[in-house]
PDB file of N, CA and C in Angstrom:
ATOM      1  N   UNK A   1     142.721-133.664 -89.600  1.00  0.00           N
ATOM      2  CA  UNK A   1     141.630-132.760 -89.930  1.00  0.00           C
ATOM      3  C   UNK A   1     142.225-131.402 -90.295  1.00  0.00           C
ATOM      4  N   UNK A   2     141.701-130.804 -91.355  1.00  0.00           N
ATOM      5  CA  UNK A   2     142.176-129.510 -91.854  1.00  0.00           C
ATOM      6  C   UNK A   2     141.135-128.437 -91.606  1.00  0.00           C
ATOM      7  N   UNK A   3     141.627-127.196 -91.378  1.00  0.00           N
ATOM      8  CA  UNK A   3     140.703-126.070 -91.229  1.00  0.00           C
ATOM      9  C   UNK A   3     141.432-124.762 -91.504  1.00  0.00           C
ATOM     10  N   UNK A   4     140.658-123.746 -91.858  1.00  0.00           N
ATOM     11  CA  UNK A   4     141.199-122.396 -92.036  1.00  0.00           C
ATOM     12  C   UNK A   4     141.196-121.737 -90.659  1.00  0.00           C
ATOM     13  N   UNK A   5     142.363-121.229 -90.233  1.00  0.00           N
ATOM     14  CA  UNK A   5     142.444-120.597 -88.912  1.00  0.00           C
ATOM     15  C   UNK A   5     142.593-119.078 -88.996  1.00  0.00           C
ATOM     16  N   UNK A   6     142.961-118.568 -90.176  1.00  0.00           N
ATOM     17  CA  UNK A   6     143.114-117.120 -90.336  1.00  0.00           C
ATOM     18  C   UNK A   6     142.874-116.770 -91.801  1.00  0.00           C
ATOM     19  N   UNK A   7     142.176-115.684 -92.028  1.00  0.00           N
ATOM     20  CA  UNK A   7     141.879-115.263 -93.393  1.00  0.00           C
ATOM     21  C   UNK A   7     140.652-115.977 -93.929  1.00  0.00           C
ATOM     22  N   UNK A   8     140.393-115.759 -95.215  1.00  0.00           N
ATOM     23  CA  UNK A   8     139.235-116.375 -95.872  1.00  0.00           C
ATOM     24  C   UNK A   8     139.636-116.877 -97.240  1.00  0.00           C
ATOM     25  N   UNK A   9     139.100-118.031 -97.596  1.00  0.00           N
ATOM     26  CA  UNK A   9     139.269-118.533 -98.956  1.00  0.00           C
ATOM     27  C   UNK A   9     138.414-117.689 -99.896  1.00  0.00           C
ATOM     28  N   UNK A  10     138.788-117.650-101.177  1.00  0.00           N
ATOM     29  CA  UNK A  10     137.939-116.943-102.138  1.00  0.00           C
ATOM     30  C   UNK A  10     136.535-117.551-102.158  1.00  0.00           C
ATOM     31  N   UNK A  11     135.541-116.712-102.352  1.00  0.00           N
ATOM     32  CA  UNK A  11     134.176-117.200-102.494  1.00  0.00           C
ATOM     33  C   UNK A  11     134.135-118.232-103.616  1.00  0.00           C
ATOM     34  N   UNK A  12     133.492-119.363-103.364  1.00  0.00           N
ATOM     35  CA  UNK A  12     133.402-120.431-104.351  1.00  0.00           C
ATOM     36  C   UNK A  12     134.454-121.513-104.183  1.00  0.00           C
ATOM     37  N   UNK A  13     135.396-121.312-103.260  1.00  0.00           N
ATOM     38  CA  UNK A  13     136.459-122.296-103.013  1.00  0.00           C
ATOM     39  C   UNK A  13     136.287-122.851-101.606  1.00  0.00           C
ATOM     40  N   UNK A  14     136.486-124.151-101.468  1.00  0.00           N
ATOM     41  CA  UNK A  14     136.357-124.773-100.151  1.00  0.00           C
ATOM     42  C   UNK A  14     137.559-125.676 -99.863  1.00  0.00           C
ATOM     43  N   UNK A  15     137.816-125.878 -98.594  1.00  0.00           N
ATOM     44  CA  UNK A  15     138.901-126.729 -98.120  1.00  0.00           C
ATOM     45  C   UNK A  15     138.305-128.019 -97.587  1.00  0.00           C
ATOM     46  N   UNK A  16     138.795-129.151 -98.084  1.00  0.00           N
ATOM     47  CA  UNK A  16     138.345-130.443 -97.575  1.00  0.00           C
ATOM     48  C   UNK A  16     138.929-130.660 -96.186  1.00  0.00           C
ATOM     49  N   UNK A  17     138.072-130.834 -95.187  1.00  0.00           N
ATOM     50  CA  UNK A  17     138.547-131.064 -93.821  1.00  0.00           C
ATOM     51  C   UNK A  17     139.295-132.383 -93.705  1.00  0.00           C
ATOM     52  N   UNK A  18     138.934-133.341 -94.517  1.00  0.00           N
ATOM     53  CA  UNK A  18     139.557-134.665 -94.441  1.00  0.00           C
ATOM     54  C   UNK A  18     140.878-134.731 -95.206  1.00  0.00           C
ATOM     55  N   UNK A  19     140.914-134.184 -96.422  1.00  0.00           N
ATOM     56  CA  UNK A  19     142.078-134.339 -97.293  1.00  0.00           C
ATOM     57  C   UNK A  19     143.010-133.134 -97.332  1.00  0.00           C
ATOM     58  N   UNK A  20     142.486-131.953 -96.983  1.00  0.00           N
ATOM     59  CA  UNK A  20     143.301-130.746 -97.061  1.00  0.00           C
ATOM     60  C   UNK A  20     143.436-130.194 -98.466  1.00  0.00           C
ATOM     61  N   UNK A  21     142.559-130.621 -99.359  1.00  0.00           N
ATOM     62  CA  UNK A  21     142.609-130.139-100.739  1.00  0.00           C
ATOM     63  C   UNK A  21     141.636-128.977-100.928  1.00  0.00           C
ATOM     64  N   UNK A  22     141.962-128.122-101.887  1.00  0.00           N
ATOM     65  CA  UNK A  22     141.083-127.015-102.250  1.00  0.00           C
ATOM     66  C   UNK A  22     140.302-127.408-103.493  1.00  0.00           C
ATOM     67  N   UNK A  23     139.027-127.041-103.542  1.00  0.00           N
ATOM     68  CA  UNK A  23     138.190-127.353-104.698  1.00  0.00           C
ATOM     69  C   UNK A  23     137.219-126.207-104.934  1.00  0.00           C
ATOM     70  N   UNK A  24     136.767-126.102-106.166  1.00  0.00           N
ATOM     71  CA  UNK A  24     135.778-125.095-106.514  1.00  0.00           C
ATOM     72  C   UNK A  24     136.316-124.113-107.534  1.00  0.00           C
ATOM     73  N   UNK A  25     135.479-123.141-107.868  1.00  0.00           N
ATOM     74  CA  UNK A  25     135.833-122.095-108.821  1.00  0.00           C
ATOM     75  C   UNK A  25     135.685-120.747-108.133  1.00  0.00           C
ATOM     76  N   UNK A  26     136.802-120.014-107.995  1.00  0.00           N
ATOM     77  CA  UNK A  26     136.709-118.710-107.338  1.00  0.00           C
ATOM     78  C   UNK A  26     135.830-117.756-108.132  1.00  0.00           C
ATOM     79  N   UNK A  27     135.089-116.923-107.425  1.00  0.00           N
ATOM     80  CA  UNK A  27     134.148-116.008-108.073  1.00  0.00           C
ATOM     81  C   UNK A  27     134.697-114.603-108.256  1.00  0.00           C
ATOM     82  N   UNK A  28     135.807-114.291-107.583  1.00  0.00           N
ATOM     83  CA  UNK A  28     136.362-112.933-107.668  1.00  0.00           C
ATOM     84  C   UNK A  28     137.865-112.973-107.846  1.00  0.00           C
ATOM     85  N   UNK A  29     138.347-112.043-108.654  1.00  0.00           N
ATOM     86  CA  UNK A  29     139.783-111.863-108.847  1.00  0.00           C
ATOM     87  C   UNK A  29     140.355-111.225-107.584  1.00  0.00           C
ATOM     88  N   UNK A  30     141.570-111.617-107.236  1.00  0.00           N
ATOM     89  CA  UNK A  30     142.211-110.998-106.078  1.00  0.00           C
ATOM     90  C   UNK A  30     143.299-111.872-105.498  1.00  0.00           C
ATOM     91  N   UNK A  31     143.934-111.363-104.460  1.00  0.00           N
ATOM     92  CA  UNK A  31     144.957-112.094-103.727  1.00  0.00           C
ATOM     93  C   UNK A  31     144.397-112.407-102.347  1.00  0.00           C
ATOM     94  N   UNK A  32     144.468-113.667-101.968  1.00  0.00           N
ATOM     95  CA  UNK A  32     143.885-114.132-100.715  1.00  0.00           C
ATOM     96  C   UNK A  32     144.976-114.783 -99.872  1.00  0.00           C
ATOM     97  N   UNK A  33     145.143-114.294 -98.660  1.00  0.00           N
ATOM     98  CA  UNK A  33     146.126-114.843 -97.723  1.00  0.00           C
ATOM     99  C   UNK A  33     145.354-115.650 -96.677  1.00  0.00           C
ATOM    100  N   UNK A  34     145.656-116.943 -96.602  1.00  0.00           N
ATOM    101  CA  UNK A  34     144.902-117.858 -95.751  1.00  0.00           C
ATOM    102  C   UNK A  34     145.876-118.730 -94.960  1.00  0.00           C
ATOM    103  N   UNK A  35     145.624-118.875 -93.672  1.00  0.00           N
ATOM    104  CA  UNK A  35     146.411-119.802 -92.857  1.00  0.00           C
ATOM    105  C   UNK A  35     145.560-121.032 -92.590  1.00  0.00           C
ATOM    106  N   UNK A  36     146.109-122.197 -92.938  1.00  0.00           N
ATOM    107  CA  UNK A  36     145.416-123.463 -92.717  1.00  0.00           C
ATOM    108  C   UNK A  36     146.156-124.255 -91.647  1.00  0.00           C
ATOM    109  N   UNK A  37     145.402-125.086 -90.958  1.00  0.00           N
ATOM    110  CA  UNK A  37     145.973-125.922 -89.906  1.00  0.00           C
ATOM    111  C   UNK A  37     145.583-127.366 -90.149  1.00  0.00           C
ATOM    112  N   UNK A  38     146.547-128.261 -89.961  1.00  0.00           N
ATOM    113  CA  UNK A  38     146.291-129.696 -90.019  1.00  0.00           C
ATOM    114  C   UNK A  38     146.488-130.253 -88.615  1.00  0.00           C
ATOM    115  N   UNK A  39     145.578-131.119 -88.203  1.00  0.00           N
ATOM    116  CA  UNK A  39     145.693-131.765 -86.890  1.00  0.00           C
ATOM    117  C   UNK A  39     145.565-133.271 -87.088  1.00  0.00           C
ATOM    118  N   UNK A  40     146.487-134.033 -86.487  1.00  0.00           N
ATOM    119  CA  UNK A  40     146.426-135.485 -86.637  1.00  0.00           C
ATOM    120  C   UNK A  40     145.612-136.110 -85.501  1.00  0.00           C
ATOM    121  N   UNK A  41     145.494-137.435 -85.530  1.00  0.00           N
ATOM    122  CA  UNK A  41     144.669-138.156 -84.560  1.00  0.00           C
ATOM    123  C   UNK A  41     145.175-138.010 -83.127  1.00  0.00           C
ATOM    124  N   UNK A  42     146.461-137.705 -82.961  1.00  0.00           N
ATOM    125  CA  UNK A  42     147.033-137.536 -81.622  1.00  0.00           C
ATOM    126  C   UNK A  42     146.955-136.090 -81.131  1.00  0.00           C
ATOM    127  N   UNK A  43     146.462-135.191 -81.977  1.00  0.00           N
ATOM    128  CA  UNK A  43     146.312-133.796 -81.593  1.00  0.00           C
ATOM    129  C   UNK A  43     147.468-132.897 -81.991  1.00  0.00           C
ATOM    130  N   UNK A  44     148.497-133.458 -82.636  1.00  0.00           N
ATOM    131  CA  UNK A  44     149.613-132.628 -83.106  1.00  0.00           C
ATOM    132  C   UNK A  44     149.104-131.710 -84.211  1.00  0.00           C
ATOM    133  N   UNK A  45     149.586-130.457 -84.209  1.00  0.00           N
ATOM    134  CA  UNK A  45     149.099-129.468 -85.171  1.00  0.00           C
ATOM    135  C   UNK A  45     150.253-128.840 -85.939  1.00  0.00           C
ATOM    136  N   UNK A  46     149.941-128.424 -87.153  1.00  0.00           N
ATOM    137  CA  UNK A  46     150.890-127.672 -87.969  1.00  0.00           C
ATOM    138  C   UNK A  46     150.097-126.659 -88.782  1.00  0.00           C
ATOM    139  N   UNK A  47     150.659-125.445 -88.901  1.00  0.00           N
ATOM    140  CA  UNK A  47     149.992-124.391 -89.667  1.00  0.00           C
ATOM    141  C   UNK A  47     150.892-123.910 -90.796  1.00  0.00           C
ATOM    142  N   UNK A  48     150.263-123.523 -91.898  1.00  0.00           N
ATOM    143  CA  UNK A  48     150.960-122.921 -93.030  1.00  0.00           C
ATOM    144  C   UNK A  48     150.101-121.796 -93.582  1.00  0.00           C
ATOM    145  N   UNK A  49     150.769-120.734 -94.005  1.00  0.00           N
ATOM    146  CA  UNK A  49     150.069-119.624 -94.639  1.00  0.00           C
ATOM    147  C   UNK A  49     150.232-119.744 -96.145  1.00  0.00           C
ATOM    148  N   UNK A  50     149.114-119.667 -96.844  1.00  0.00           N
ATOM    149  CA  UNK A  50     149.079-119.768 -98.302  1.00  0.00           C
ATOM    150  C   UNK A  50     148.678-118.418 -98.877  1.00  0.00           C
ATOM    151  N   UNK A  51     149.254-118.069 -99.997  1.00  0.00           N
ATOM    152  CA  UNK A  51     148.834-116.881-100.730  1.00  0.00           C
ATOM    153  C   UNK A  51     148.263-117.370-102.056  1.00  0.00           C
ATOM    154  N   UNK A  52     146.976-117.157-102.252  1.00  0.00           N
ATOM    155  CA  UNK A  52     146.281-117.607-103.456  1.00  0.00           C
ATOM    156  C   UNK A  52     146.034-116.404-104.351  1.00  0.00           C
ATOM    157  N   UNK A  53     146.500-116.489-105.574  1.00  0.00           N
ATOM    158  CA  UNK A  53     146.320-115.417-106.549  1.00  0.00           C
ATOM    159  C   UNK A  53     145.288-115.870-107.572  1.00  0.00           C
ATOM    160  N   UNK A  54     144.165-115.185-107.630  1.00  0.00           N
ATOM    161  CA  UNK A  54     143.095-115.513-108.571  1.00  0.00           C
ATOM    162  C   UNK A  54     143.123-114.478-109.686  1.00  0.00           C
ATOM    163  N   UNK A  55     143.321-114.961-110.919  1.00  0.00           N
ATOM    164  CA  UNK A  55     143.353-114.100-112.096  1.00  0.00           C
ATOM    165  C   UNK A  55     142.295-114.551-113.084  1.00  0.00           C
ATOM    166  N   UNK A  56     142.110-113.754-114.134  1.00  0.00           N
ATOM    167  CA  UNK A  56     141.171-114.118-115.205  1.00  0.00           C
ATOM    168  C   UNK A  56     141.634-115.357-115.913  1.00  0.00           C
TER     169      UNK A  56
END
């Protein structure tokens, strides 16, 4: 299972809890720093910080 644990995704973008994929169309230009976490069926967790750059 995937989730955002720190920061915010751009408005209009969502994270699939099942697949960990991002989908949608961002509504605002900017740089977004987001930390996502993946957890497996046994409860093991891993986090990564992503920097998303939205341009025209």
